[in-house]
Amino acid sequence: MNDRLRWMRNSLKTQELQGMIVLNPINVHYLTSIDAEGILLITAGENYYITDDRYIEKVQKELMIDDEIVLQNIKEITPEDYESYFADCENVGFEENYVTYAKYKEILRRYKMKALVETDCIIEKQRQIKDEDEIGCIRKACEITDACFSHIAQYIKKGMTEKQIANEIERFFKENDTVLAFDTIVASR
């Protein structure tokens, strides 16, 4: 099992929870490294990742044997399966800042929950603590951003449009094999 899932299971024990439903895609990715739509169920016995036909093959390629995550196609899950996931769990955690009230009610109904418990943003708080790999990625991102700034400072000429500059910034990042987190914004006066 990966370190983050192990941490999650240990954290659930300290909160007297026997399972958790993780719906926020950012939190799912943080815990599993899976980059596809789906739901992570941490139950008393297993970790399940539920997704649909569009992502099954992609997730199968991403999962390693030691991840200890059972992949399931949502189309193949019966109502009895949903009820069995948390049958041995007295208290199950959920992401109270992500789940709407309608989704909360749906979860209670679908999984036949005994109790659904707020987790006080436990995953979000843990995500704030960076490990060595994350720190390395942040350093690399800063280096590339600094290099882009130096490049753009030399590239900009009087009369250029903001769009031309934004396009050059995007080209620079693509050439450096980076993914932009948001649309490029260039403003001038």
N, C-alpha and C. Protein backbone atom coordinates (compact mmCIF):
# COMPACT_ATOMS: atom_id res chain seq x y z
N MET A 1 0.85 -1.17 0.00
CA MET A 1 0.00 0.00 0.00
C MET A 1 0.90 1.24 0.00
N ASN A 2 0.51 2.25 -0.77
CA ASN A 2 1.35 3.44 -0.80
C ASN A 2 1.31 4.19 0.54
N ASP A 3 2.30 5.03 0.76
CA ASP A 3 2.43 5.73 2.05
C ASP A 3 1.24 6.61 2.37
N ARG A 4 0.67 7.24 1.35
CA ARG A 4 -0.46 8.14 1.61
C ARG A 4 -1.72 7.38 2.00
N LEU A 5 -1.97 6.27 1.36
CA LEU A 5 -3.13 5.45 1.77
C LEU A 5 -2.91 4.87 3.16
N ARG A 6 -1.69 4.46 3.44
CA ARG A 6 -1.37 3.96 4.78
C ARG A 6 -1.61 5.06 5.82
N TRP A 7 -1.14 6.28 5.51
CA TRP A 7 -1.38 7.42 6.41
C TRP A 7 -2.88 7.62 6.61
N MET A 8 -3.65 7.55 5.51
CA MET A 8 -5.09 7.77 5.58
C MET A 8 -5.74 6.74 6.49
N ARG A 9 -5.38 5.47 6.31
CA ARG A 9 -5.96 4.41 7.16
C ARG A 9 -5.62 4.64 8.63
N ASN A 10 -4.39 5.01 8.93
CA ASN A 10 -3.98 5.29 10.31
C ASN A 10 -4.75 6.49 10.87
N SER A 11 -4.93 7.51 10.05
CA SER A 11 -5.67 8.70 10.49
C SER A 11 -7.13 8.37 10.78
N LEU A 12 -7.70 7.50 9.98
CA LEU A 12 -9.09 7.11 10.22
C LEU A 12 -9.22 6.42 11.58
N LYS A 13 -8.25 5.57 11.90
CA LYS A 13 -8.28 4.88 13.20
C LYS A 13 -8.26 5.88 14.36
N THR A 14 -7.43 6.92 14.25
CA THR A 14 -7.34 7.90 15.33
C THR A 14 -8.64 8.69 15.49
N GLN A 15 -9.44 8.75 14.43
CA GLN A 15 -10.73 9.44 14.49
C GLN A 15 -11.90 8.47 14.73
N GLU A 16 -11.54 7.21 15.02
CA GLU A 16 -12.53 6.17 15.25
C GLU A 16 -13.47 5.99 14.06
N LEU A 17 -12.88 6.05 12.86
CA LEU A 17 -13.62 5.79 11.62
C LEU A 17 -13.13 4.47 11.04
N GLN A 18 -14.06 3.72 10.47
CA GLN A 18 -13.69 2.43 9.88
C GLN A 18 -13.57 2.51 8.36
N GLY A 19 -13.94 3.63 7.79
CA GLY A 19 -13.86 3.79 6.35
C GLY A 19 -14.03 5.23 5.95
N MET A 20 -13.87 5.47 4.63
CA MET A 20 -14.03 6.83 4.12
C MET A 20 -14.39 6.77 2.65
N ILE A 21 -15.21 7.74 2.25
CA ILE A 21 -15.55 7.94 0.84
C ILE A 21 -14.84 9.22 0.40
N VAL A 22 -13.99 9.09 -0.62
CA VAL A 22 -13.24 10.26 -1.12
C VAL A 22 -13.75 10.56 -2.52
N LEU A 23 -14.37 11.72 -2.68
CA LEU A 23 -14.98 12.12 -3.94
C LEU A 23 -14.22 13.24 -4.64
N ASN A 24 -13.56 14.09 -3.87
CA ASN A 24 -12.85 15.23 -4.46
C ASN A 24 -11.70 14.69 -5.31
N PRO A 25 -11.70 14.98 -6.63
CA PRO A 25 -10.65 14.44 -7.51
C PRO A 25 -9.23 14.81 -7.09
N ILE A 26 -9.06 15.97 -6.50
CA ILE A 26 -7.73 16.38 -6.03
C ILE A 26 -7.27 15.48 -4.89
N ASN A 27 -8.17 15.17 -3.98
CA ASN A 27 -7.84 14.29 -2.86
C ASN A 27 -7.64 12.84 -3.32
N VAL A 28 -8.47 12.41 -4.28
CA VAL A 28 -8.30 11.06 -4.82
C VAL A 28 -6.91 10.93 -5.44
N HIS A 29 -6.53 11.92 -6.24
CA HIS A 29 -5.21 11.89 -6.89
C HIS A 29 -4.10 11.93 -5.85
N TYR A 30 -4.26 12.75 -4.83
CA TYR A 30 -3.25 12.84 -3.77
C TYR A 30 -3.02 11.48 -3.10
N LEU A 31 -4.09 10.77 -2.82
CA LEU A 31 -3.98 9.49 -2.12
C LEU A 31 -3.56 8.33 -3.01
N THR A 32 -3.88 8.41 -4.31
CA THR A 32 -3.69 7.24 -5.18
C THR A 32 -2.78 7.47 -6.37
N SER A 33 -2.55 8.72 -6.74
CA SER A 33 -1.85 9.10 -7.98
C SER A 33 -2.66 8.76 -9.22
N ILE A 34 -3.90 8.38 -9.06
CA ILE A 34 -4.78 8.10 -10.20
C ILE A 34 -5.29 9.43 -10.72
N ASP A 35 -5.16 9.60 -12.02
CA ASP A 35 -5.58 10.85 -12.66
C ASP A 35 -6.74 10.57 -13.61
N ALA A 36 -7.86 10.15 -13.05
CA ALA A 36 -9.05 9.85 -13.84
C ALA A 36 -10.28 10.03 -12.95
N GLU A 37 -11.41 10.30 -13.57
CA GLU A 37 -12.64 10.45 -12.80
C GLU A 37 -12.96 9.17 -12.04
N GLY A 38 -13.36 9.32 -10.81
CA GLY A 38 -13.73 8.15 -10.04
C GLY A 38 -13.91 8.45 -8.57
N ILE A 39 -14.24 7.42 -7.83
CA ILE A 39 -14.49 7.51 -6.40
C ILE A 39 -13.55 6.54 -5.69
N LEU A 40 -12.95 6.99 -4.60
CA LEU A 40 -12.11 6.12 -3.78
C LEU A 40 -12.88 5.75 -2.53
N LEU A 41 -13.01 4.45 -2.31
CA LEU A 41 -13.63 3.95 -1.08
C LEU A 41 -12.55 3.28 -0.26
N ILE A 42 -12.40 3.73 0.97
CA ILE A 42 -11.50 3.07 1.90
C ILE A 42 -12.41 2.37 2.89
N THR A 43 -12.44 1.06 2.80
CA THR A 43 -13.35 0.28 3.64
C THR A 43 -12.55 -0.45 4.71
N ALA A 44 -13.23 -1.17 5.55
CA ALA A 44 -12.55 -1.90 6.62
C ALA A 44 -11.54 -2.90 6.07
N GLY A 45 -11.84 -3.49 4.91
CA GLY A 45 -10.95 -4.52 4.38
C GLY A 45 -10.14 -4.14 3.17
N GLU A 46 -10.69 -3.33 2.29
CA GLU A 46 -10.05 -3.04 1.00
C GLU A 46 -10.12 -1.55 0.67
N ASN A 47 -9.32 -1.19 -0.33
CA ASN A 47 -9.42 0.13 -0.95
C ASN A 47 -9.99 -0.12 -2.35
N TYR A 48 -11.05 0.60 -2.69
CA TYR A 48 -11.69 0.43 -4.00
C TYR A 48 -11.61 1.73 -4.77
N TYR A 49 -11.37 1.60 -6.06
CA TYR A 49 -11.47 2.76 -6.95
C TYR A 49 -12.56 2.42 -7.96
N ILE A 50 -13.61 3.23 -7.96
CA ILE A 50 -14.75 2.98 -8.82
C ILE A 50 -14.77 4.05 -9.92
N THR A 51 -14.78 3.58 -11.15
CA THR A 51 -14.82 4.49 -12.29
C THR A 51 -15.66 3.86 -13.39
N ASP A 52 -15.72 4.51 -14.55
CA ASP A 52 -16.52 3.96 -15.64
C ASP A 52 -15.64 3.50 -16.80
N ASP A 53 -16.30 3.00 -17.84
CA ASP A 53 -15.61 2.41 -18.99
C ASP A 53 -14.54 3.33 -19.59
N ARG A 54 -14.78 4.63 -19.55
CA ARG A 54 -13.84 5.57 -20.19
C ARG A 54 -12.46 5.52 -19.55
N TYR A 55 -12.38 5.13 -18.28
CA TYR A 55 -11.12 5.24 -17.54
C TYR A 55 -10.53 3.91 -17.07
N ILE A 56 -11.25 2.82 -17.23
CA ILE A 56 -10.80 1.52 -16.70
C ILE A 56 -9.39 1.19 -17.19
N GLU A 57 -9.18 1.24 -18.49
CA GLU A 57 -7.88 0.87 -19.05
C GLU A 57 -6.77 1.80 -18.57
N LYS A 58 -7.05 3.09 -18.53
CA LYS A 58 -6.06 4.08 -18.06
C LYS A 58 -5.66 3.80 -16.61
N VAL A 59 -6.65 3.56 -15.76
CA VAL A 59 -6.38 3.32 -14.34
C VAL A 59 -5.63 2.00 -14.16
N GLN A 60 -5.98 0.98 -14.94
CA GLN A 60 -5.27 -0.30 -14.85
C GLN A 60 -3.78 -0.11 -15.12
N LYS A 61 -3.46 0.75 -16.07
CA LYS A 61 -2.05 1.02 -16.39
C LYS A 61 -1.35 1.80 -15.28
N GLU A 62 -2.09 2.64 -14.57
CA GLU A 62 -1.51 3.47 -13.51
C GLU A 62 -1.31 2.71 -12.21
N LEU A 63 -2.15 1.72 -11.95
CA LEU A 63 -2.09 0.99 -10.67
C LEU A 63 -0.95 -0.01 -10.66
N MET A 64 -0.31 -0.12 -9.51
CA MET A 64 0.71 -1.13 -9.29
C MET A 64 0.13 -2.16 -8.31
N ILE A 65 0.68 -3.34 -8.31
CA ILE A 65 0.18 -4.40 -7.43
C ILE A 65 0.24 -3.97 -5.97
N ASP A 66 1.33 -3.30 -5.58
CA ASP A 66 1.46 -2.93 -4.18
C ASP A 66 0.63 -1.70 -3.79
N ASP A 67 -0.12 -1.12 -4.73
CA ASP A 67 -1.05 -0.04 -4.39
C ASP A 67 -2.20 -0.56 -3.53
N GLU A 68 -2.51 -1.84 -3.70
CA GLU A 68 -3.60 -2.49 -2.96
C GLU A 68 -4.93 -1.75 -3.14
N ILE A 69 -5.24 -1.46 -4.40
CA ILE A 69 -6.50 -0.81 -4.74
C ILE A 69 -7.24 -1.74 -5.71
N VAL A 70 -8.47 -2.06 -5.38
CA VAL A 70 -9.30 -2.89 -6.23
C VAL A 70 -10.05 -1.96 -7.19
N LEU A 71 -9.85 -2.16 -8.48
CA LEU A 71 -10.50 -1.34 -9.50
C LEU A 71 -11.84 -1.96 -9.88
N GLN A 72 -12.89 -1.12 -9.91
CA GLN A 72 -14.21 -1.63 -10.25
C GLN A 72 -14.89 -0.70 -11.25
N ASN A 73 -15.60 -1.32 -12.18
CA ASN A 73 -16.38 -0.59 -13.16
C ASN A 73 -17.74 -0.28 -12.55
N ILE A 74 -18.11 0.98 -12.54
CA ILE A 74 -19.35 1.41 -11.89
C ILE A 74 -20.57 0.71 -12.49
N LYS A 75 -20.50 0.36 -13.77
CA LYS A 75 -21.63 -0.30 -14.43
C LYS A 75 -21.85 -1.73 -13.94
N GLU A 76 -20.83 -2.31 -13.33
CA GLU A 76 -20.92 -3.69 -12.87
C GLU A 76 -21.25 -3.82 -11.38
N ILE A 77 -21.44 -2.70 -10.72
CA ILE A 77 -21.71 -2.72 -9.28
C ILE A 77 -23.22 -2.81 -9.05
N THR A 78 -23.62 -3.78 -8.26
CA THR A 78 -25.03 -3.98 -7.96
C THR A 78 -25.41 -3.20 -6.69
N PRO A 79 -26.69 -3.01 -6.45
CA PRO A 79 -27.10 -2.38 -5.20
C PRO A 79 -26.58 -3.13 -3.97
N GLU A 80 -26.52 -4.46 -4.07
CA GLU A 80 -26.00 -5.26 -2.95
C GLU A 80 -24.51 -4.99 -2.73
N ASP A 81 -23.77 -4.78 -3.83
CA ASP A 81 -22.35 -4.44 -3.70
C ASP A 81 -22.18 -3.13 -2.93
N TYR A 82 -22.98 -2.12 -3.30
CA TYR A 82 -22.89 -0.83 -2.61
C TYR A 82 -23.14 -1.00 -1.11
N GLU A 83 -24.13 -1.79 -0.78
CA GLU A 83 -24.47 -2.01 0.62
C GLU A 83 -23.37 -2.76 1.37
N SER A 84 -22.64 -3.61 0.66
CA SER A 84 -21.63 -4.44 1.33
C SER A 84 -20.31 -3.70 1.61
N TYR A 85 -20.02 -2.65 0.87
CA TYR A 85 -18.74 -1.95 1.04
C TYR A 85 -18.49 -1.54 2.50
N PHE A 86 -19.50 -0.96 3.12
CA PHE A 86 -19.33 -0.43 4.47
C PHE A 86 -20.18 -1.18 5.50
N ALA A 87 -20.55 -2.42 5.18
CA ALA A 87 -21.41 -3.20 6.08
C ALA A 87 -20.76 -3.40 7.45
N ASP A 88 -19.43 -3.51 7.50
CA ASP A 88 -18.72 -3.73 8.76
C ASP A 88 -18.23 -2.43 9.40
N CYS A 89 -18.69 -1.30 8.88
CA CYS A 89 -18.21 -0.01 9.38
C CYS A 89 -19.30 0.70 10.16
N GLU A 90 -18.96 1.08 11.37
CA GLU A 90 -19.91 1.82 12.18
C GLU A 90 -19.91 3.30 11.79
N ASN A 91 -18.70 3.87 11.60
CA ASN A 91 -18.57 5.28 11.23
C ASN A 91 -17.72 5.40 9.97
N VAL A 92 -18.24 6.12 8.98
CA VAL A 92 -17.53 6.32 7.72
C VAL A 92 -17.36 7.82 7.50
N GLY A 93 -16.13 8.21 7.17
CA GLY A 93 -15.83 9.61 6.95
C GLY A 93 -16.17 10.07 5.54
N PHE A 94 -16.40 11.37 5.42
CA PHE A 94 -16.65 11.98 4.11
C PHE A 94 -16.09 13.40 4.13
N GLU A 95 -15.93 13.96 2.94
CA GLU A 95 -15.35 15.30 2.77
C GLU A 95 -16.45 16.35 2.88
N GLU A 96 -16.66 16.86 4.06
CA GLU A 96 -17.79 17.75 4.32
C GLU A 96 -17.73 19.06 3.53
N ASN A 97 -16.56 19.50 3.15
CA ASN A 97 -16.46 20.74 2.38
C ASN A 97 -16.58 20.52 0.88
N TYR A 98 -16.69 19.28 0.45
CA TYR A 98 -16.81 18.98 -0.97
C TYR A 98 -18.18 18.39 -1.33
N VAL A 99 -18.75 17.64 -0.43
CA VAL A 99 -20.00 16.93 -0.69
C VAL A 99 -21.19 17.83 -0.44
N THR A 100 -22.08 17.93 -1.44
CA THR A 100 -23.31 18.70 -1.26
C THR A 100 -24.27 17.93 -0.37
N TYR A 101 -25.28 18.61 0.09
CA TYR A 101 -26.28 17.93 0.93
C TYR A 101 -27.00 16.85 0.12
N ALA A 102 -27.29 17.12 -1.13
CA ALA A 102 -27.95 16.12 -1.99
C ALA A 102 -27.06 14.89 -2.15
N LYS A 103 -25.77 15.10 -2.36
CA LYS A 103 -24.84 13.97 -2.50
C LYS A 103 -24.73 13.21 -1.17
N TYR A 104 -24.72 13.94 -0.06
CA TYR A 104 -24.68 13.34 1.28
C TYR A 104 -25.85 12.36 1.44
N LYS A 105 -27.06 12.83 1.10
CA LYS A 105 -28.25 11.99 1.22
C LYS A 105 -28.17 10.78 0.28
N GLU A 106 -27.63 11.00 -0.92
CA GLU A 106 -27.47 9.90 -1.88
C GLU A 106 -26.50 8.85 -1.35
N ILE A 107 -25.40 9.29 -0.74
CA ILE A 107 -24.41 8.36 -0.17
C ILE A 107 -25.05 7.52 0.93
N LEU A 108 -25.78 8.17 1.83
CA LEU A 108 -26.45 7.44 2.92
C LEU A 108 -27.39 6.38 2.36
N ARG A 109 -28.15 6.76 1.34
CA ARG A 109 -29.12 5.84 0.75
C ARG A 109 -28.42 4.71 -0.01
N ARG A 110 -27.48 5.06 -0.88
CA ARG A 110 -26.84 4.06 -1.75
C ARG A 110 -26.03 3.03 -0.96
N TYR A 111 -25.25 3.52 0.02
CA TYR A 111 -24.35 2.63 0.75
C TYR A 111 -24.97 2.08 2.03
N LYS A 112 -26.21 2.47 2.33
CA LYS A 112 -26.90 2.01 3.54
C LYS A 112 -26.02 2.25 4.78
N MET A 113 -25.58 3.48 4.91
CA MET A 113 -24.65 3.86 5.98
C MET A 113 -25.32 3.87 7.34
N LYS A 114 -24.54 3.49 8.33
CA LYS A 114 -24.99 3.64 9.71
C LYS A 114 -24.73 5.07 10.17
N ALA A 115 -23.53 5.59 9.84
CA ALA A 115 -23.20 6.97 10.19
C ALA A 115 -22.16 7.51 9.23
N LEU A 116 -22.38 8.72 8.77
CA LEU A 116 -21.45 9.42 7.90
C LEU A 116 -20.89 10.58 8.71
N VAL A 117 -19.57 10.63 8.88
CA VAL A 117 -18.94 11.55 9.82
C VAL A 117 -18.02 12.53 9.09
N GLU A 118 -18.12 13.80 9.47
CA GLU A 118 -17.21 14.81 8.92
C GLU A 118 -15.78 14.50 9.36
N THR A 119 -14.83 14.78 8.48
CA THR A 119 -13.43 14.45 8.78
C THR A 119 -12.57 15.69 9.03
N ASP A 120 -13.18 16.85 9.13
CA ASP A 120 -12.46 18.08 9.46
C ASP A 120 -11.30 18.34 8.49
N CYS A 121 -11.58 18.15 7.20
CA CYS A 121 -10.60 18.44 6.13
C CYS A 121 -9.26 17.73 6.35
N ILE A 122 -9.30 16.51 6.80
CA ILE A 122 -8.09 15.78 7.15
C ILE A 122 -7.13 15.64 5.96
N ILE A 123 -7.67 15.35 4.78
CA ILE A 123 -6.80 15.18 3.61
C ILE A 123 -6.21 16.52 3.18
N GLU A 124 -7.03 17.54 3.16
CA GLU A 124 -6.56 18.87 2.76
C GLU A 124 -5.45 19.36 3.69
N LYS A 125 -5.60 19.10 4.97
CA LYS A 125 -4.55 19.50 5.93
C LYS A 125 -3.26 18.73 5.68
N GLN A 126 -3.36 17.45 5.36
CA GLN A 126 -2.18 16.64 5.09
C GLN A 126 -1.52 17.08 3.78
N ARG A 127 -2.33 17.47 2.80
CA ARG A 127 -1.77 17.92 1.52
C ARG A 127 -0.90 19.16 1.68
N GLN A 128 -1.11 19.93 2.73
CA GLN A 128 -0.30 21.12 2.97
C GLN A 128 1.14 20.77 3.35
N ILE A 129 1.35 19.58 3.86
CA ILE A 129 2.69 19.13 4.26
C ILE A 129 3.33 18.46 3.06
N LYS A 130 4.41 19.03 2.57
CA LYS A 130 5.04 18.54 1.34
C LYS A 130 6.14 17.53 1.64
N ASP A 131 6.16 16.44 0.84
CA ASP A 131 7.24 15.47 0.96
C ASP A 131 8.39 15.88 0.02
N GLU A 132 9.47 15.13 0.02
CA GLU A 132 10.65 15.48 -0.77
C GLU A 132 10.35 15.55 -2.26
N ASP A 133 9.55 14.63 -2.77
CA ASP A 133 9.21 14.66 -4.19
C ASP A 133 8.44 15.93 -4.55
N GLU A 134 7.48 16.30 -3.71
CA GLU A 134 6.70 17.50 -3.97
C GLU A 134 7.59 18.74 -3.90
N ILE A 135 8.48 18.79 -2.93
CA ILE A 135 9.40 19.93 -2.81
C ILE A 135 10.28 20.01 -4.05
N GLY A 136 10.75 18.86 -4.55
CA GLY A 136 11.55 18.84 -5.77
C GLY A 136 10.77 19.37 -6.97
N CYS A 137 9.51 18.99 -7.07
CA CYS A 137 8.67 19.49 -8.17
C CYS A 137 8.46 21.00 -8.06
N ILE A 138 8.27 21.49 -6.85
CA ILE A 138 8.09 22.93 -6.64
C ILE A 138 9.36 23.67 -7.03
N ARG A 139 10.52 23.13 -6.64
CA ARG A 139 11.80 23.76 -7.02
C ARG A 139 11.95 23.82 -8.53
N LYS A 140 11.65 22.71 -9.19
CA LYS A 140 11.78 22.67 -10.65
C LYS A 140 10.82 23.66 -11.31
N ALA A 141 9.60 23.73 -10.80
CA ALA A 141 8.61 24.67 -11.35
C ALA A 141 9.10 26.11 -11.18
N CYS A 142 9.71 26.42 -10.05
CA CYS A 142 10.24 27.77 -9.82
C CYS A 142 11.39 28.07 -10.78
N GLU A 143 12.25 27.09 -11.01
CA GLU A 143 13.37 27.28 -11.94
C GLU A 143 12.87 27.56 -13.35
N ILE A 144 11.88 26.78 -13.79
CA ILE A 144 11.33 26.98 -15.13
C ILE A 144 10.62 28.33 -15.23
N THR A 145 9.90 28.70 -14.19
CA THR A 145 9.20 29.99 -14.18
C THR A 145 10.21 31.14 -14.21
N ASP A 146 11.29 31.04 -13.44
CA ASP A 146 12.33 32.07 -13.47
C ASP A 146 12.95 32.18 -14.87
N ALA A 147 13.21 31.04 -15.49
CA ALA A 147 13.78 31.03 -16.84
C ALA A 147 12.81 31.67 -17.84
N CYS A 148 11.52 31.38 -17.68
CA CYS A 148 10.51 31.97 -18.55
C CYS A 148 10.47 33.49 -18.37
N PHE A 149 10.55 33.95 -17.14
CA PHE A 149 10.54 35.39 -16.89
C PHE A 149 11.74 36.06 -17.56
N SER A 150 12.91 35.46 -17.43
CA SER A 150 14.11 36.01 -18.08
C SER A 150 13.93 36.04 -19.59
N HIS A 151 13.39 34.97 -20.14
CA HIS A 151 13.15 34.89 -21.58
C HIS A 151 12.17 35.98 -22.03
N ILE A 152 11.07 36.12 -21.33
CA ILE A 152 10.04 37.09 -21.71
C ILE A 152 10.55 38.52 -21.56
N ALA A 153 11.36 38.77 -20.54
CA ALA A 153 11.91 40.12 -20.35
C ALA A 153 12.73 40.55 -21.57
N GLN A 154 13.40 39.59 -22.21
CA GLN A 154 14.19 39.90 -23.41
C GLN A 154 13.31 39.87 -24.68
N TYR A 155 12.24 39.14 -24.65
CA TYR A 155 11.36 38.95 -25.81
C TYR A 155 10.46 40.16 -26.05
N ILE A 156 9.96 40.76 -25.00
CA ILE A 156 8.96 41.84 -25.12
C ILE A 156 9.56 43.04 -25.84
N LYS A 157 8.78 43.53 -26.80
CA LYS A 157 9.15 44.74 -27.55
C LYS A 157 7.96 45.68 -27.56
N LYS A 158 8.24 46.94 -27.66
CA LYS A 158 7.20 47.96 -27.73
C LYS A 158 6.29 47.66 -28.92
N GLY A 159 4.99 47.77 -28.67
CA GLY A 159 4.00 47.55 -29.72
C GLY A 159 3.43 46.14 -29.76
N MET A 160 3.99 45.20 -28.98
CA MET A 160 3.46 43.83 -28.93
C MET A 160 2.13 43.82 -28.20
N THR A 161 1.29 42.88 -28.59
CA THR A 161 0.02 42.73 -27.90
C THR A 161 0.19 41.79 -26.70
N GLU A 162 -0.75 41.89 -25.79
CA GLU A 162 -0.74 41.00 -24.63
C GLU A 162 -0.89 39.55 -25.09
N LYS A 163 -1.67 39.34 -26.14
CA LYS A 163 -1.89 37.99 -26.66
C LYS A 163 -0.58 37.42 -27.22
N GLN A 164 0.22 38.22 -27.91
CA GLN A 164 1.50 37.74 -28.43
C GLN A 164 2.42 37.30 -27.29
N ILE A 165 2.44 38.08 -26.24
CA ILE A 165 3.30 37.76 -25.09
C ILE A 165 2.80 36.49 -24.40
N ALA A 166 1.48 36.40 -24.22
CA ALA A 166 0.90 35.20 -23.60
C ALA A 166 1.21 33.97 -24.42
N ASN A 167 1.11 34.08 -25.74
CA ASN A 167 1.43 32.94 -26.62
C ASN A 167 2.89 32.52 -26.47
N GLU A 168 3.79 33.48 -26.33
CA GLU A 168 5.21 33.16 -26.17
C GLU A 168 5.47 32.49 -24.83
N ILE A 169 4.78 32.93 -23.79
CA ILE A 169 4.92 32.30 -22.47
C ILE A 169 4.46 30.84 -22.55
N GLU A 170 3.31 30.62 -23.18
CA GLU A 170 2.79 29.27 -23.31
C GLU A 170 3.72 28.39 -24.15
N ARG A 171 4.27 28.95 -25.23
CA ARG A 171 5.22 28.20 -26.06
C ARG A 171 6.45 27.81 -25.25
N PHE A 172 6.96 28.75 -24.44
CA PHE A 172 8.13 28.49 -23.61
C PHE A 172 7.87 27.32 -22.66
N PHE A 173 6.73 27.35 -21.99
CA PHE A 173 6.41 26.28 -21.04
C PHE A 173 6.22 24.94 -21.75
N LYS A 174 5.56 24.94 -22.90
CA LYS A 174 5.38 23.69 -23.65
C LYS A 174 6.72 23.12 -24.08
N GLU A 175 7.64 23.97 -24.52
CA GLU A 175 8.96 23.50 -24.93
C GLU A 175 9.74 22.91 -23.76
N ASN A 176 9.38 23.30 -22.55
CA ASN A 176 10.04 22.80 -21.35
C ASN A 176 9.23 21.69 -20.66
N ASP A 177 8.35 21.07 -21.44
CA ASP A 177 7.55 19.93 -20.96
C ASP A 177 6.82 20.20 -19.65
N THR A 178 6.20 21.36 -19.56
CA THR A 178 5.44 21.68 -18.37
C THR A 178 3.96 21.82 -18.72
N VAL A 179 3.13 21.69 -17.72
CA VAL A 179 1.70 21.85 -17.88
C VAL A 179 1.30 23.10 -17.12
N LEU A 180 0.58 23.98 -17.80
CA LEU A 180 0.12 25.21 -17.15
C LEU A 180 -1.06 24.89 -16.24
N ALA A 181 -1.02 25.44 -15.03
CA ALA A 181 -2.08 25.19 -14.06
C ALA A 181 -3.33 26.03 -14.35
N PHE A 182 -3.15 27.12 -15.07
CA PHE A 182 -4.27 28.01 -15.40
C PHE A 182 -3.91 28.79 -16.64
N ASP A 183 -4.90 29.46 -17.23
CA ASP A 183 -4.67 30.25 -18.43
C ASP A 183 -3.66 31.36 -18.15
N THR A 184 -2.83 31.64 -19.14
CA THR A 184 -1.83 32.70 -19.00
C THR A 184 -2.52 34.06 -19.02
N ILE A 185 -2.13 34.91 -18.10
CA ILE A 185 -2.68 36.26 -18.01
C ILE A 185 -1.54 37.25 -18.21
N VAL A 186 -1.69 38.12 -19.20
CA VAL A 186 -0.71 39.18 -19.44
C VAL A 186 -1.49 40.48 -19.43
N ALA A 187 -1.01 41.44 -18.67
CA ALA A 187 -1.67 42.75 -18.62
C ALA A 187 -0.62 43.83 -18.76
N SER A 188 -0.98 44.87 -19.48
CA SER A 188 -0.05 46.01 -19.65
C SER A 188 -0.85 47.29 -19.59
N ARG A 189 -0.09 48.39 -19.54
CA ARG A 189 -0.79 49.67 -19.58
C ARG A 189 -0.07 50.61 -20.47
